[in-house]
Amino acid sequence: MFQSLLRLLGRAPKNTLPPFDFKRNRYPAIKKWPPNLRELTEKQQFRFERKFKRRLRLKSIKPTWNKWVKIVQWSLIGGVTVYAVFFYDFRKDPMNPRPGEQPFDWLRAWTREKLGGVWSVGSGSSTIGERGQRRVLEEELEVRKEGDVLPAGYEEAVGKRRGT
């Protein structure tokens, strides 16, 4: 747990491996790296540069990083656009070419018209009055459908719940 926390904070755990001994290397390199470019011919230098650039390009490609950079960039672009179109006050903006005019006013009005009733209950669209009244009415119907005799004081209790 503690080691993973340190790793997340960027502090690598202490290396338990002994330092590498180049003298005891079982797999020595065939060619010396990096080569001395002054000793190479122009053709060899060109091939070396081409190979090195290709390897460097392949090493520098980070698919996960690139994916998340794209996601963040497009999210920021979308967020700034939505903010500018729906919330920013262009009337007070000194860079507005037409001061005092809202360029997206028609879009804001259309959106308010379409989404205006989403967050509120429309008038007359619901037959349910106050909160919980539907359940009371359903209970009342169940009792009457069964044909049972209503208990004493039931009418008064239902009347109080309805507010009558």
C-alpha atoms as a PDB file:
ATOM      1  CA  MET A   1       0.000   0.000   0.000  1.00  0.00           C
ATOM      2  CA  PHE A   2       2.690   2.466   1.042  1.00  0.00           C
ATOM      3  CA  GLN A   3       4.906   1.553  -1.914  1.00  0.00           C
ATOM      4  CA  SER A   4       2.045   2.058  -4.377  1.00  0.00           C
ATOM      5  CA  LEU A   5       1.325   5.459  -2.797  1.00  0.00           C
ATOM      6  CA  LEU A   6       4.974   6.442  -3.223  1.00  0.00           C
ATOM      7  CA  ARG A   7       4.876   5.219  -6.820  1.00  0.00           C
ATOM      8  CA  LEU A   8       1.800   7.355  -7.480  1.00  0.00           C
ATOM      9  CA  LEU A   9       3.567  10.371  -6.028  1.00  0.00           C
ATOM     10  CA  GLY A  10       6.468   9.841  -8.395  1.00  0.00           C
ATOM     11  CA  ARG A  11       9.002   8.451  -5.959  1.00  0.00           C
ATOM     12  CA  ALA A  12      10.246   5.114  -7.175  1.00  0.00           C
ATOM     13  CA  PRO A  13      11.023   2.454  -4.574  1.00  0.00           C
ATOM     14  CA  LYS A  14      14.667   1.769  -3.847  1.00  0.00           C
ATOM     15  CA  ASN A  15      16.310  -0.496  -6.397  1.00  0.00           C
ATOM     16  CA  THR A  16      17.272  -3.825  -4.853  1.00  0.00           C
ATOM     17  CA  LEU A  17      19.337  -4.966  -7.859  1.00  0.00           C
ATOM     18  CA  PRO A  18      23.132  -4.614  -7.728  1.00  0.00           C
ATOM     19  CA  PRO A  19      24.635  -2.105 -10.176  1.00  0.00           C
ATOM     20  CA  PHE A  20      25.332  -3.472 -13.654  1.00  0.00           C
ATOM     21  CA  ASP A  21      28.894  -4.669 -14.197  1.00  0.00           C
ATOM     22  CA  PHE A  22      29.901  -4.089 -17.823  1.00  0.00           C
ATOM     23  CA  LYS A  23      33.031  -6.242 -17.449  1.00  0.00           C
ATOM     24  CA  ARG A  24      31.004  -9.356 -16.597  1.00  0.00           C
ATOM     25  CA  ASN A  25      28.386  -8.814 -19.343  1.00  0.00           C
ATOM     26  CA  ARG A  26      27.537 -12.174 -20.936  1.00  0.00           C
ATOM     27  CA  TYR A  27      26.115 -10.510 -24.055  1.00  0.00           C
ATOM     28  CA  PRO A  28      28.589  -7.930 -25.341  1.00  0.00           C
ATOM     29  CA  ALA A  29      27.482  -5.601 -28.122  1.00  0.00           C
ATOM     30  CA  ILE A  30      28.718  -6.398 -31.617  1.00  0.00           C
ATOM     31  CA  LYS A  31      29.036  -2.729 -32.573  1.00  0.00           C
ATOM     32  CA  LYS A  32      30.189   0.144 -30.425  1.00  0.00           C
ATOM     33  CA  TRP A  33      27.367   2.545 -29.629  1.00  0.00           C
ATOM     34  CA  PRO A  34      27.139   5.387 -30.436  1.00  0.00           C
ATOM     35  CA  PRO A  35      29.443   5.200 -33.410  1.00  0.00           C
ATOM     36  CA  ASN A  36      31.977   7.914 -34.075  1.00  0.00           C
ATOM     37  CA  LEU A  37      30.407   9.808 -36.982  1.00  0.00           C
ATOM     38  CA  ARG A  38      33.781  11.191 -38.105  1.00  0.00           C
ATOM     39  CA  GLU A  39      35.002   7.672 -38.889  1.00  0.00           C
ATOM     40  CA  LEU A  40      31.958   6.820 -41.023  1.00  0.00           C
ATOM     41  CA  THR A  41      31.595   7.578 -44.710  1.00  0.00           C
ATOM     42  CA  GLU A  42      28.824   9.907 -45.887  1.00  0.00           C
ATOM     43  CA  LYS A  43      26.718   6.962 -47.011  1.00  0.00           C
ATOM     44  CA  GLN A  44      27.092   5.238 -43.618  1.00  0.00           C
ATOM     45  CA  GLN A  45      26.326   8.492 -41.812  1.00  0.00           C
ATOM     46  CA  PHE A  46      23.137   8.904 -43.851  1.00  0.00           C
ATOM     47  CA  ARG A  47      22.040   5.316 -43.141  1.00  0.00           C
ATOM     48  CA  PHE A  48      22.823   5.745 -39.462  1.00  0.00           C
ATOM     49  CA  GLU A  49      20.842   9.000 -39.253  1.00  0.00           C
ATOM     50  CA  ARG A  50      17.893   7.480 -41.111  1.00  0.00           C
ATOM     51  CA  LYS A  51      17.880   4.418 -38.841  1.00  0.00           C
ATOM     52  CA  PHE A  52      18.281   6.535 -35.720  1.00  0.00           C
ATOM     53  CA  LYS A  53      15.460   8.905 -36.705  1.00  0.00           C
ATOM     54  CA  ARG A  54      13.145   5.994 -37.480  1.00  0.00           C
ATOM     55  CA  ARG A  55      13.874   4.356 -34.128  1.00  0.00           C
ATOM     56  CA  LEU A  56      13.435   7.652 -32.330  1.00  0.00           C
ATOM     57  CA  ARG A  57      10.079   8.237 -34.045  1.00  0.00           C
ATOM     58  CA  LEU A  58       8.886   4.771 -33.079  1.00  0.00           C
ATOM     59  CA  LYS A  59      10.012   5.271 -29.495  1.00  0.00           C
ATOM     60  CA  SER A  60       8.299   8.633 -29.190  1.00  0.00           C
ATOM     61  CA  ILE A  61       4.851   7.311 -30.184  1.00  0.00           C
ATOM     62  CA  LYS A  62       2.754   6.968 -27.040  1.00  0.00           C
ATOM     63  CA  PRO A  63      -0.744   5.747 -27.993  1.00  0.00           C
ATOM     64  CA  THR A  64      -2.276   6.087 -24.524  1.00  0.00           C
ATOM     65  CA  TRP A  65      -0.882   9.590 -24.035  1.00  0.00           C
ATOM     66  CA  ASN A  66      -2.012  10.687 -27.495  1.00  0.00           C
ATOM     67  CA  LYS A  67      -5.503   9.266 -26.917  1.00  0.00           C
ATOM     68  CA  TRP A  68      -5.980  11.136 -23.636  1.00  0.00           C
ATOM     69  CA  VAL A  69      -4.531  14.350 -25.042  1.00  0.00           C
ATOM     70  CA  LYS A  70      -7.101  14.185 -27.854  1.00  0.00           C
ATOM     71  CA  ILE A  71      -9.929  13.491 -25.401  1.00  0.00           C
ATOM     72  CA  VAL A  72      -8.924  16.418 -23.179  1.00  0.00           C
ATOM     73  CA  GLN A  73      -8.479  18.767 -26.147  1.00  0.00           C
ATOM     74  CA  TRP A  74     -11.875  17.952 -27.673  1.00  0.00           C
ATOM     75  CA  SER A  75     -13.553  18.148 -24.256  1.00  0.00           C
ATOM     76  CA  LEU A  76     -12.089  21.608 -23.699  1.00  0.00           C
ATOM     77  CA  ILE A  77     -13.088  22.732 -27.178  1.00  0.00           C
ATOM     78  CA  GLY A  78     -16.651  21.492 -26.626  1.00  0.00           C
ATOM     79  CA  GLY A  79     -16.876  22.989 -23.142  1.00  0.00           C
ATOM     80  CA  VAL A  80     -15.625  26.403 -24.242  1.00  0.00           C
ATOM     81  CA  THR A  81     -18.000  26.376 -27.218  1.00  0.00           C
ATOM     82  CA  VAL A  82     -21.032  25.486 -25.083  1.00  0.00           C
ATOM     83  CA  TYR A  83     -20.055  28.148 -22.539  1.00  0.00           C
ATOM     84  CA  ALA A  84     -19.595  30.770 -25.250  1.00  0.00           C
ATOM     85  CA  VAL A  85     -22.869  29.969 -27.015  1.00  0.00           C
ATOM     86  CA  PHE A  86     -25.142  29.543 -23.994  1.00  0.00           C
ATOM     87  CA  PHE A  87     -23.651  31.475 -21.056  1.00  0.00           C
ATOM     88  CA  TYR A  88     -21.077  34.124 -22.038  1.00  0.00           C
ATOM     89  CA  ASP A  89     -22.323  37.721 -22.047  1.00  0.00           C
ATOM     90  CA  PHE A  90     -21.162  39.162 -25.353  1.00  0.00           C
ATOM     91  CA  ARG A  91     -22.860  42.506 -24.683  1.00  0.00           C
ATOM     92  CA  LYS A  92     -20.127  43.486 -22.208  1.00  0.00           C
ATOM     93  CA  ASP A  93     -17.251  42.011 -24.229  1.00  0.00           C
ATOM     94  CA  PRO A  94     -14.890  44.785 -25.447  1.00  0.00           C
ATOM     95  CA  MET A  95     -13.834  42.631 -28.435  1.00  0.00           C
ATOM     96  CA  ASN A  96     -17.418  42.284 -29.719  1.00  0.00           C
ATOM     97  CA  PRO A  97     -17.603  43.919 -33.181  1.00  0.00           C
ATOM     98  CA  ARG A  98     -21.238  44.872 -32.532  1.00  0.00           C
ATOM     99  CA  PRO A  99     -21.324  46.152 -28.921  1.00  0.00           C
ATOM    100  CA  GLY A 100     -24.527  45.590 -27.023  1.00  0.00           C
ATOM    101  CA  GLU A 101     -25.627  42.701 -29.259  1.00  0.00           C
ATOM    102  CA  GLN A 102     -25.885  39.053 -28.257  1.00  0.00           C
ATOM    103  CA  PRO A 103     -24.940  36.905 -31.291  1.00  0.00           C
ATOM    104  CA  PHE A 104     -26.463  33.664 -29.994  1.00  0.00           C
ATOM    105  CA  ASP A 105     -29.635  35.103 -28.490  1.00  0.00           C
ATOM    106  CA  TRP A 106     -31.897  33.248 -30.935  1.00  0.00           C
ATOM    107  CA  LEU A 107     -30.262  29.912 -30.060  1.00  0.00           C
ATOM    108  CA  ARG A 108     -30.529  30.557 -26.329  1.00  0.00           C
ATOM    109  CA  ALA A 109     -34.230  31.438 -26.679  1.00  0.00           C
ATOM    110  CA  TRP A 110     -34.927  28.351 -28.788  1.00  0.00           C
ATOM    111  CA  THR A 111     -33.146  26.102 -26.254  1.00  0.00           C
ATOM    112  CA  ARG A 112     -35.008  27.687 -23.337  1.00  0.00           C
ATOM    113  CA  GLU A 113     -38.276  27.118 -25.175  1.00  0.00           C
ATOM    114  CA  LYS A 114     -37.518  23.449 -25.878  1.00  0.00           C
ATOM    115  CA  LEU A 115     -35.995  22.581 -22.516  1.00  0.00           C
ATOM    116  CA  GLY A 116     -37.969  24.997 -20.339  1.00  0.00           C
ATOM    117  CA  GLY A 117     -40.488  22.421 -19.143  1.00  0.00           C
ATOM    118  CA  VAL A 118     -37.962  19.701 -18.388  1.00  0.00           C
ATOM    119  CA  TRP A 119     -37.189  20.897 -14.865  1.00  0.00           C
ATOM    120  CA  SER A 120     -40.712  21.904 -13.808  1.00  0.00           C
ATOM    121  CA  VAL A 121     -44.130  20.289 -13.712  1.00  0.00           C
ATOM    122  CA  GLY A 122     -46.406  21.725 -16.358  1.00  0.00           C
ATOM    123  CA  SER A 123     -49.733  23.237 -15.357  1.00  0.00           C
ATOM    124  CA  GLY A 124     -52.667  20.875 -15.828  1.00  0.00           C
ATOM    125  CA  SER A 125     -50.562  18.081 -17.244  1.00  0.00           C
ATOM    126  CA  SER A 126     -50.747  16.029 -14.080  1.00  0.00           C
ATOM    127  CA  THR A 127     -53.867  14.968 -12.218  1.00  0.00           C
ATOM    128  CA  ILE A 128     -51.847  14.322  -9.070  1.00  0.00           C
ATOM    129  CA  GLY A 129     -52.082  17.194  -6.637  1.00  0.00           C
ATOM    130  CA  GLU A 130     -49.788  17.061  -3.679  1.00  0.00           C
ATOM    131  CA  ARG A 131     -46.943  14.673  -2.978  1.00  0.00           C
ATOM    132  CA  GLY A 132     -48.066  11.161  -2.036  1.00  0.00           C
ATOM    133  CA  GLN A 133     -51.672  11.641  -3.103  1.00  0.00           C
ATOM    134  CA  ARG A 134     -51.377   9.051  -5.863  1.00  0.00           C
ATOM    135  CA  ARG A 135     -50.475   6.329  -3.407  1.00  0.00           C
ATOM    136  CA  VAL A 136     -53.408   7.248  -1.175  1.00  0.00           C
ATOM    137  CA  LEU A 137     -55.818   7.124  -4.106  1.00  0.00           C
ATOM    138  CA  GLU A 138     -54.454   3.745  -5.220  1.00  0.00           C
ATOM    139  CA  GLU A 139     -54.843   2.347  -1.692  1.00  0.00           C
ATOM    140  CA  GLU A 140     -58.379   3.672  -1.628  1.00  0.00           C
ATOM    141  CA  LEU A 141     -59.213   1.955  -4.913  1.00  0.00           C
ATOM    142  CA  GLU A 142     -57.719  -1.350  -3.749  1.00  0.00           C
ATOM    143  CA  VAL A 143     -59.810  -1.317  -0.600  1.00  0.00           C
ATOM    144  CA  ARG A 144     -62.986  -0.524  -2.526  1.00  0.00           C
ATOM    145  CA  LYS A 145     -62.289  -3.171  -5.189  1.00  0.00           C
ATOM    146  CA  GLU A 146     -61.908  -5.857  -2.587  1.00  0.00           C
ATOM    147  CA  GLY A 147     -65.349  -5.000  -1.257  1.00  0.00           C
ATOM    148  CA  ASP A 148     -64.220  -5.067   2.331  1.00  0.00           C
ATOM    149  CA  VAL A 149     -65.890  -3.022   4.940  1.00  0.00           C
ATOM    150  CA  LEU A 150     -63.938   0.179   5.562  1.00  0.00           C
ATOM    151  CA  PRO A 151     -62.569   0.573   9.078  1.00  0.00           C
ATOM    152  CA  ALA A 152     -64.013   3.232  11.338  1.00  0.00           C
ATOM    153  CA  GLY A 153     -62.397   6.653  10.839  1.00  0.00           C
ATOM    154  CA  TYR A 154     -61.027   5.739   7.383  1.00  0.00           C
ATOM    155  CA  GLU A 155     -62.984   8.423   5.562  1.00  0.00           C
ATOM    156  CA  GLU A 156     -61.746  11.061   7.984  1.00  0.00           C
ATOM    157  CA  ALA A 157     -58.098   9.963   7.542  1.00  0.00           C
ATOM    158  CA  VAL A 158     -58.328  10.024   3.749  1.00  0.00           C
ATOM    159  CA  GLY A 159     -59.988  13.441   3.927  1.00  0.00           C
ATOM    160  CA  LYS A 160     -57.188  14.827   6.106  1.00  0.00           C
ATOM    161  CA  ARG A 161     -54.531  13.539   3.724  1.00  0.00           C
ATOM    162  CA  ARG A 162     -56.254  15.183   0.769  1.00  0.00           C
ATOM    163  CA  GLY A 163     -56.604  18.439   2.636  1.00  0.00           C
ATOM    164  CA  THR A 164     -60.404  18.530   2.486  1.00  0.00           C
END
